[in-house]
PDB file of N, CA and C in Angstrom:
ATOM      1  N   MET A   1      -9.328  56.432 111.871  1.00  0.00           N
ATOM      2  CA  MET A   1     -10.515  57.204 111.592  1.00  0.00           C
ATOM      3  C   MET A   1     -11.334  56.455 110.551  1.00  0.00           C
ATOM      4  N   THR A   2     -12.566  56.205 110.896  1.00  0.00           N
ATOM      5  CA  THR A   2     -13.431  55.466 109.981  1.00  0.00           C
ATOM      6  C   THR A   2     -14.081  56.416 108.975  1.00  0.00           C
ATOM      7  N   LEU A   3     -14.572  55.847 107.905  1.00  0.00           N
ATOM      8  CA  LEU A   3     -15.297  56.633 106.911  1.00  0.00           C
ATOM      9  C   LEU A   3     -16.523  57.281 107.550  1.00  0.00           C
ATOM     10  N   ALA A   4     -17.221  56.555 108.400  1.00  0.00           N
ATOM     11  CA  ALA A   4     -18.412  57.097 109.067  1.00  0.00           C
ATOM     12  C   ALA A   4     -18.054  58.313 109.923  1.00  0.00           C
ATOM     13  N   GLN A   5     -16.915  58.270 110.594  1.00  0.00           N
ATOM     14  CA  GLN A   5     -16.495  59.403 111.415  1.00  0.00           C
ATOM     15  C   GLN A   5     -16.168  60.611 110.541  1.00  0.00           C
ATOM     16  N   ARG A   6     -15.493  60.379 109.425  1.00  0.00           N
ATOM     17  CA  ARG A   6     -15.176  61.485 108.510  1.00  0.00           C
ATOM     18  C   ARG A   6     -16.461  62.084 107.921  1.00  0.00           C
ATOM     19  N   LEU A   7     -17.408  61.226 107.561  1.00  0.00           N
ATOM     20  CA  LEU A   7     -18.673  61.725 107.019  1.00  0.00           C
ATOM     21  C   LEU A   7     -19.431  62.546 108.052  1.00  0.00           C
ATOM     22  N   LYS A   8     -19.388  62.114 109.299  1.00  0.00           N
ATOM     23  CA  LYS A   8     -20.063  62.873 110.352  1.00  0.00           C
ATOM     24  C   LYS A   8     -19.410  64.246 110.522  1.00  0.00           C
ATOM     25  N   LEU A   9     -18.085  64.308 110.437  1.00  0.00           N
ATOM     26  CA  LEU A   9     -17.393  65.597 110.496  1.00  0.00           C
ATOM     27  C   LEU A   9     -17.831  66.500 109.347  1.00  0.00           C
ATOM     28  N   ILE A  10     -17.923  65.928 108.150  1.00  0.00           N
ATOM     29  CA  ILE A  10     -18.347  66.708 106.986  1.00  0.00           C
ATOM     30  C   ILE A  10     -19.767  67.228 107.185  1.00  0.00           C
ATOM     31  N   GLU A  11     -20.661  66.384 107.665  1.00  0.00           N
ATOM     32  CA  GLU A  11     -22.044  66.808 107.911  1.00  0.00           C
ATOM     33  C   GLU A  11     -22.097  67.922 108.945  1.00  0.00           C
ATOM     34  N   LEU A  12     -21.309  67.796 109.993  1.00  0.00           N
ATOM     35  CA  LEU A  12     -21.265  68.816 111.035  1.00  0.00           C
ATOM     36  C   LEU A  12     -20.751  70.132 110.456  1.00  0.00           C
ATOM     37  N   TYR A  13     -19.714  70.051 109.657  1.00  0.00           N
ATOM     38  CA  TYR A  13     -19.124  71.239 109.033  1.00  0.00           C
ATOM     39  C   TYR A  13     -20.140  71.931 108.127  1.00  0.00           C
ATOM     40  N   ILE A  14     -20.807  71.149 107.292  1.00  0.00           N
ATOM     41  CA  ILE A  14     -21.819  71.723 106.401  1.00  0.00           C
ATOM     42  C   ILE A  14     -22.934  72.375 107.215  1.00  0.00           C
ATOM     43  N   GLY A  15     -23.331  71.738 108.305  1.00  0.00           N
ATOM     44  CA  GLY A  15     -24.379  72.295 109.147  1.00  0.00           C
ATOM     45  C   GLY A  15     -24.017  73.655 109.722  1.00  0.00           C
ATOM     46  N   TYR A  16     -22.767  73.829 110.104  1.00  0.00           N
ATOM     47  CA  TYR A  16     -22.346  75.101 110.702  1.00  0.00           C
ATOM     48  C   TYR A  16     -21.980  76.157 109.669  1.00  0.00           C
ATOM     49  N   PHE A  17     -21.339  75.763 108.583  1.00  0.00           N
ATOM     50  CA  PHE A  17     -20.770  76.738 107.660  1.00  0.00           C
ATOM     51  C   PHE A  17     -21.419  76.747 106.278  1.00  0.00           C
ATOM     52  N   ASN A  18     -22.406  75.878 106.067  1.00  0.00           N
ATOM     53  CA  ASN A  18     -23.167  75.836 104.817  1.00  0.00           C
ATOM     54  C   ASN A  18     -22.289  75.559 103.598  1.00  0.00           C
ATOM     55  N   ARG A  19     -21.225  74.816 103.824  1.00  0.00           N
ATOM     56  CA  ARG A  19     -20.355  74.387 102.728  1.00  0.00           C
ATOM     57  C   ARG A  19     -19.537  73.202 103.208  1.00  0.00           C
ATOM     58  N   ALA A  20     -19.057  72.440 102.270  1.00  0.00           N
ATOM     59  CA  ALA A  20     -18.181  71.320 102.621  1.00  0.00           C
ATOM     60  C   ALA A  20     -16.804  71.860 102.997  1.00  0.00           C
ATOM     61  N   PRO A  21     -16.107  71.171 103.865  1.00  0.00           N
ATOM     62  CA  PRO A  21     -14.757  71.626 104.211  1.00  0.00           C
ATOM     63  C   PRO A  21     -13.785  71.356 103.069  1.00  0.00           C
ATOM     64  N   GLU A  22     -12.777  72.202 102.955  1.00  0.00           N
ATOM     65  CA  GLU A  22     -11.700  71.899 102.026  1.00  0.00           C
ATOM     66  C   GLU A  22     -10.885  70.745 102.618  1.00  0.00           C
ATOM     67  N   GLN A  23     -10.086  70.092 101.809  1.00  0.00           N
ATOM     68  CA  GLN A  23      -9.367  68.895 102.262  1.00  0.00           C
ATOM     69  C   GLN A  23      -8.479  69.176 103.474  1.00  0.00           C
ATOM     70  N   ALA A  24      -7.760  70.294 103.449  1.00  0.00           N
ATOM     71  CA  ALA A  24      -6.875  70.614 104.572  1.00  0.00           C
ATOM     72  C   ALA A  24      -7.677  70.796 105.859  1.00  0.00           C
ATOM     73  N   GLY A  25      -8.828  71.438 105.751  1.00  0.00           N
ATOM     74  CA  GLY A  25      -9.675  71.626 106.924  1.00  0.00           C
ATOM     75  C   GLY A  25     -10.223  70.311 107.443  1.00  0.00           C
ATOM     76  N   LEU A  26     -10.657  69.459 106.532  1.00  0.00           N
ATOM     77  CA  LEU A  26     -11.162  68.149 106.939  1.00  0.00           C
ATOM     78  C   LEU A  26     -10.064  67.339 107.612  1.00  0.00           C
ATOM     79  N   ASP A  27      -8.864  67.390 107.049  1.00  0.00           N
ATOM     80  CA  ASP A  27      -7.745  66.664 107.654  1.00  0.00           C
ATOM     81  C   ASP A  27      -7.437  67.190 109.054  1.00  0.00           C
ATOM     82  N   TYR A  28      -7.501  68.514 109.218  1.00  0.00           N
ATOM     83  CA  TYR A  28      -7.256  69.109 110.533  1.00  0.00           C
ATOM     84  C   TYR A  28      -8.273  68.605 111.554  1.00  0.00           C
ATOM     85  N   TRP A  29      -9.558  68.687 111.199  1.00  0.00           N
ATOM     86  CA  TRP A  29     -10.598  68.292 112.143  1.00  0.00           C
ATOM     87  C   TRP A  29     -10.611  66.792 112.377  1.00  0.00           C
ATOM     88  N   ALA A  30     -10.236  66.024 111.380  1.00  0.00           N
ATOM     89  CA  ALA A  30     -10.104  64.575 111.576  1.00  0.00           C
ATOM     90  C   ALA A  30      -8.993  64.296 112.581  1.00  0.00           C
ATOM     91  N   GLY A  31      -7.910  65.058 112.501  1.00  0.00           N
ATOM     92  CA  GLY A  31      -6.828  64.924 113.472  1.00  0.00           C
ATOM     93  C   GLY A  31      -7.267  65.309 114.870  1.00  0.00           C
ATOM     94  N   GLU A  32      -8.055  66.372 114.964  1.00  0.00           N
ATOM     95  CA  GLU A  32      -8.581  66.793 116.268  1.00  0.00           C
ATOM     96  C   GLU A  32      -9.497  65.717 116.851  1.00  0.00           C
ATOM     97  N   LEU A  33     -10.346  65.152 116.010  1.00  0.00           N
ATOM     98  CA  LEU A  33     -11.241  64.089 116.461  1.00  0.00           C
ATOM     99  C   LEU A  33     -10.434  62.885 116.932  1.00  0.00           C
ATOM    100  N   ALA A  34      -9.443  62.501 116.157  1.00  0.00           N
ATOM    101  CA  ALA A  34      -8.602  61.357 116.533  1.00  0.00           C
ATOM    102  C   ALA A  34      -7.882  61.618 117.852  1.00  0.00           C
ATOM    103  N   ALA A  35      -7.407  62.843 118.046  1.00  0.00           N
ATOM    104  CA  ALA A  35      -6.716  63.182 119.292  1.00  0.00           C
ATOM    105  C   ALA A  35      -7.664  63.083 120.482  1.00  0.00           C
ATOM    106  N   LEU A  36      -8.873  63.593 120.322  1.00  0.00           N
ATOM    107  CA  LEU A  36      -9.854  63.510 121.409  1.00  0.00           C
ATOM    108  C   LEU A  36     -10.183  62.060 121.735  1.00  0.00           C
ATOM    109  N   LEU A  37     -10.423  61.281 120.707  1.00  0.00           N
ATOM    110  CA  LEU A  37     -10.746  59.870 120.920  1.00  0.00           C
ATOM    111  C   LEU A  37      -9.564  59.134 121.542  1.00  0.00           C
ATOM    112  N   GLY A  38      -8.358  59.521 121.162  1.00  0.00           N
ATOM    113  CA  GLY A  38      -7.160  58.907 121.709  1.00  0.00           C
ATOM    114  C   GLY A  38      -6.956  59.203 123.184  1.00  0.00           C
ATOM    115  N   ARG A  39      -7.554  60.299 123.656  1.00  0.00           N
ATOM    116  CA  ARG A  39      -7.480  60.646 125.082  1.00  0.00           C
ATOM    117  C   ARG A  39      -8.606  60.003 125.883  1.00  0.00           C
ATOM    118  N   GLY A  40      -9.403  59.170 125.217  1.00  0.00           N
ATOM    119  CA  GLY A  40     -10.456  58.461 125.928  1.00  0.00           C
ATOM    120  C   GLY A  40     -11.796  59.161 125.972  1.00  0.00           C
ATOM    121  N   VAL A  41     -11.924  60.252 125.216  1.00  0.00           N
ATOM    122  CA  VAL A  41     -13.194  60.966 125.143  1.00  0.00           C
ATOM    123  C   VAL A  41     -14.149  60.130 124.291  1.00  0.00           C
ATOM    124  N   THR A  42     -15.408  60.084 124.660  1.00  0.00           N
ATOM    125  CA  THR A  42     -16.377  59.345 123.852  1.00  0.00           C
ATOM    126  C   THR A  42     -16.602  60.073 122.528  1.00  0.00           C
ATOM    127  N   GLU A  43     -17.123  59.353 121.541  1.00  0.00           N
ATOM    128  CA  GLU A  43     -17.416  59.995 120.256  1.00  0.00           C
ATOM    129  C   GLU A  43     -18.389  61.151 120.431  1.00  0.00           C
ATOM    130  N   ALA A  44     -19.419  60.948 121.241  1.00  0.00           N
ATOM    131  CA  ALA A  44     -20.408  62.011 121.453  1.00  0.00           C
ATOM    132  C   ALA A  44     -19.743  63.249 122.045  1.00  0.00           C
ATOM    133  N   GLN A  45     -18.872  63.062 123.029  1.00  0.00           N
ATOM    134  CA  GLN A  45     -18.176  64.194 123.642  1.00  0.00           C
ATOM    135  C   GLN A  45     -17.226  64.854 122.649  1.00  0.00           C
ATOM    136  N   ALA A  46     -16.565  64.041 121.834  1.00  0.00           N
ATOM    137  CA  ALA A  46     -15.625  64.581 120.850  1.00  0.00           C
ATOM    138  C   ALA A  46     -16.354  65.440 119.818  1.00  0.00           C
ATOM    139  N   TYR A  47     -17.469  64.942 119.308  1.00  0.00           N
ATOM    140  CA  TYR A  47     -18.228  65.728 118.330  1.00  0.00           C
ATOM    141  C   TYR A  47     -18.800  66.989 118.973  1.00  0.00           C
ATOM    142  N   GLN A  48     -19.202  66.912 120.228  1.00  0.00           N
ATOM    143  CA  GLN A  48     -19.701  68.099 120.928  1.00  0.00           C
ATOM    144  C   GLN A  48     -18.597  69.142 121.058  1.00  0.00           C
ATOM    145  N   SER A  49     -17.402  68.699 121.392  1.00  0.00           N
ATOM    146  CA  SER A  49     -16.264  69.607 121.510  1.00  0.00           C
ATOM    147  C   SER A  49     -15.969  70.291 120.177  1.00  0.00           C
ATOM    148  N   ILE A  50     -15.985  69.529 119.113  1.00  0.00           N
ATOM    149  CA  ILE A  50     -15.731  70.096 117.789  1.00  0.00           C
ATOM    150  C   ILE A  50     -16.865  71.034 117.387  1.00  0.00           C
ATOM    151  N   ALA A  51     -18.094  70.659 117.668  1.00  0.00           N
ATOM    152  CA  ALA A  51     -19.236  71.534 117.368  1.00  0.00           C
ATOM    153  C   ALA A  51     -19.114  72.848 118.128  1.00  0.00           C
ATOM    154  N   ASP A  52     -18.680  72.789 119.378  1.00  0.00           N
ATOM    155  CA  ASP A  52     -18.479  74.013 120.161  1.00  0.00           C
ATOM    156  C   ASP A  52     -17.425  74.904 119.503  1.00  0.00           C
ATOM    157  N   ARG A  53     -16.379  74.298 118.998  1.00  0.00           N
ATOM    158  CA  ARG A  53     -15.327  75.066 118.332  1.00  0.00           C
ATOM    159  C   ARG A  53     -15.818  75.633 117.007  1.00  0.00           C
ATOM    160  N   PHE A  54     -16.655  74.899 116.293  1.00  0.00           N
ATOM    161  CA  PHE A  54     -17.260  75.431 115.071  1.00  0.00           C
ATOM    162  C   PHE A  54     -18.126  76.646 115.411  1.00  0.00           C
ATOM    163  N   TYR A  55     -18.904  76.537 116.478  1.00  0.00           N
ATOM    164  CA  TYR A  55     -19.764  77.647 116.889  1.00  0.00           C
ATOM    165  C   TYR A  55     -18.919  78.869 117.238  1.00  0.00           C
ATOM    166  N   ASP A  56     -17.847  78.649 118.007  1.00  0.00           N
ATOM    167  CA  ASP A  56     -16.964  79.759 118.374  1.00  0.00           C
ATOM    168  C   ASP A  56     -16.372  80.421 117.129  1.00  0.00           C
ATOM    169  N   ALA A  57     -15.986  79.624 116.140  1.00  0.00           N
ATOM    170  CA  ALA A  57     -15.461  80.170 114.888  1.00  0.00           C
ATOM    171  C   ALA A  57     -16.538  80.980 114.173  1.00  0.00           C
ATOM    172  N   GLY A  58     -17.759  80.492 114.201  1.00  0.00           N
ATOM    173  CA  GLY A  58     -18.868  81.225 113.594  1.00  0.00           C
ATOM    174  C   GLY A  58     -19.083  82.575 114.246  1.00  0.00           C
ATOM    175  N   LEU A  59     -18.932  82.632 115.568  1.00  0.00           N
ATOM    176  CA  LEU A  59     -19.034  83.905 116.280  1.00  0.00           C
ATOM    177  C   LEU A  59     -17.901  84.836 115.862  1.00  0.00           C
ATOM    178  N   GLN A  60     -16.705  84.296 115.823  1.00  0.00           N
ATOM    179  CA  GLN A  60     -15.526  85.088 115.491  1.00  0.00           C
ATOM    180  C   GLN A  60     -15.633  85.699 114.100  1.00  0.00           C
ATOM    181  N   PHE A  61     -16.168  84.950 113.154  1.00  0.00           N
ATOM    182  CA  PHE A  61     -16.248  85.429 111.781  1.00  0.00           C
ATOM    183  C   PHE A  61     -17.598  86.044 111.434  1.00  0.00           C
ATOM    184  N   GLY A  62     -18.425  86.282 112.437  1.00  0.00           N
ATOM    185  CA  GLY A  62     -19.678  86.985 112.231  1.00  0.00           C
ATOM    186  C   GLY A  62     -20.806  86.167 111.640  1.00  0.00           C
ATOM    187  N   LEU A  63     -20.674  84.842 111.630  1.00  0.00           N
ATOM    188  CA  LEU A  63     -21.753  84.011 111.103  1.00  0.00           C
ATOM    189  C   LEU A  63     -22.923  83.936 112.075  1.00  0.00           C
ATOM    190  N   TYR A  64     -22.619  84.034 113.359  1.00  0.00           N
ATOM    191  CA  TYR A  64     -23.628  83.963 114.415  1.00  0.00           C
ATOM    192  C   TYR A  64     -23.364  85.089 115.398  1.00  0.00           C
ATOM    193  N   LYS A  65     -24.381  85.401 116.192  1.00  0.00           N
ATOM    194  CA  LYS A  65     -24.247  86.408 117.239  1.00  0.00           C
ATOM    195  C   LYS A  65     -24.394  85.723 118.587  1.00  0.00           C
ATOM    196  N   ALA A  66     -23.579  86.133 119.535  1.00  0.00           N
ATOM    197  CA  ALA A  66     -23.584  85.507 120.856  1.00  0.00           C
ATOM    198  C   ALA A  66     -24.936  85.645 121.541  1.00  0.00           C
ATOM    199  N   ASP A  67     -25.668  86.704 121.234  1.00  0.00           N
ATOM    200  CA  ASP A  67     -26.951  86.916 121.904  1.00  0.00           C
ATOM    201  C   ASP A  67     -28.139  86.357 121.116  1.00  0.00           C
ATOM    202  N   ASP A  68     -27.868  85.610 120.044  1.00  0.00           N
ATOM    203  CA  ASP A  68     -28.957  84.962 119.308  1.00  0.00           C
ATOM    204  C   ASP A  68     -29.674  83.957 120.205  1.00  0.00           C
ATOM    205  N   SER A  69     -30.964  83.848 120.024  1.00  0.00           N
ATOM    206  CA  SER A  69     -31.720  82.831 120.755  1.00  0.00           C
ATOM    207  C   SER A  69     -31.422  81.462 120.155  1.00  0.00           C
ATOM    208  N   VAL A  70     -31.758  80.437 120.886  1.00  0.00           N
ATOM    209  CA  VAL A  70     -31.579  79.075 120.388  1.00  0.00           C
ATOM    210  C   VAL A  70     -32.370  78.901 119.099  1.00  0.00           C
ATOM    211  N   GLU A  71     -33.595  79.416 119.076  1.00  0.00           N
ATOM    212  CA  GLU A  71     -34.439  79.288 117.896  1.00  0.00           C
ATOM    213  C   GLU A  71     -33.807  79.974 116.684  1.00  0.00           C
ATOM    214  N   SER A  72     -33.245  81.154 116.898  1.00  0.00           N
ATOM    215  CA  SER A  72     -32.605  81.882 115.811  1.00  0.00           C
ATOM    216  C   SER A  72     -31.397  81.120 115.278  1.00  0.00           C
ATOM    217  N   PHE A  73     -30.599  80.571 116.179  1.00  0.00           N
ATOM    218  CA  PHE A  73     -29.432  79.798 115.763  1.00  0.00           C
ATOM    219  C   PHE A  73     -29.858  78.588 114.936  1.00  0.00           C
ATOM    220  N   ILE A  74     -30.867  77.878 115.392  1.00  0.00           N
ATOM    221  CA  ILE A  74     -31.336  76.686 114.675  1.00  0.00           C
ATOM    222  C   ILE A  74     -31.832  77.061 113.284  1.00  0.00           C
ATOM    223  N   GLN A  75     -32.554  78.167 113.174  1.00  0.00           N
ATOM    224  CA  GLN A  75     -33.032  78.601 111.861  1.00  0.00           C
ATOM    225  C   GLN A  75     -31.871  78.952 110.938  1.00  0.00           C
ATOM    226  N   GLN A  76     -30.814  79.534 111.490  1.00  0.00           N
ATOM    227  CA  GLN A  76     -29.659  79.902 110.668  1.00  0.00           C
ATOM    228  C   GLN A  76     -28.932  78.682 110.127  1.00  0.00           C
ATOM    229  N   VAL A  77     -28.794  77.644 110.943  1.00  0.00           N
ATOM    230  CA  VAL A  77     -28.038  76.483 110.475  1.00  0.00           C
ATOM    231  C   VAL A  77     -28.893  75.531 109.654  1.00  0.00           C
ATOM    232  N   TYR A  78     -30.211  75.662 109.746  1.00  0.00           N
ATOM    233  CA  TYR A  78     -31.082  74.815 108.942  1.00  0.00           C
ATOM    234  C   TYR A  78     -31.776  75.659 107.919  1.00  0.00           C
TER     235      TYR A  78
END
């Protein structure tokens, strides 16, 4: 796992949850990214998969609503 890949994970995490990940969380997602890449998934596909899981977690914990429009979601994360 490169530093650039870890930084991209951190940026993605901050974008979805408005905070930096704790070390254990970062290590978990770095492991998930490494596993995806190890199965031959492209980096773009791997980050998309992780972003989808971040979104699902946001729904589960009430950060986002499933019926939000794309515009509403973008405003929430930015």
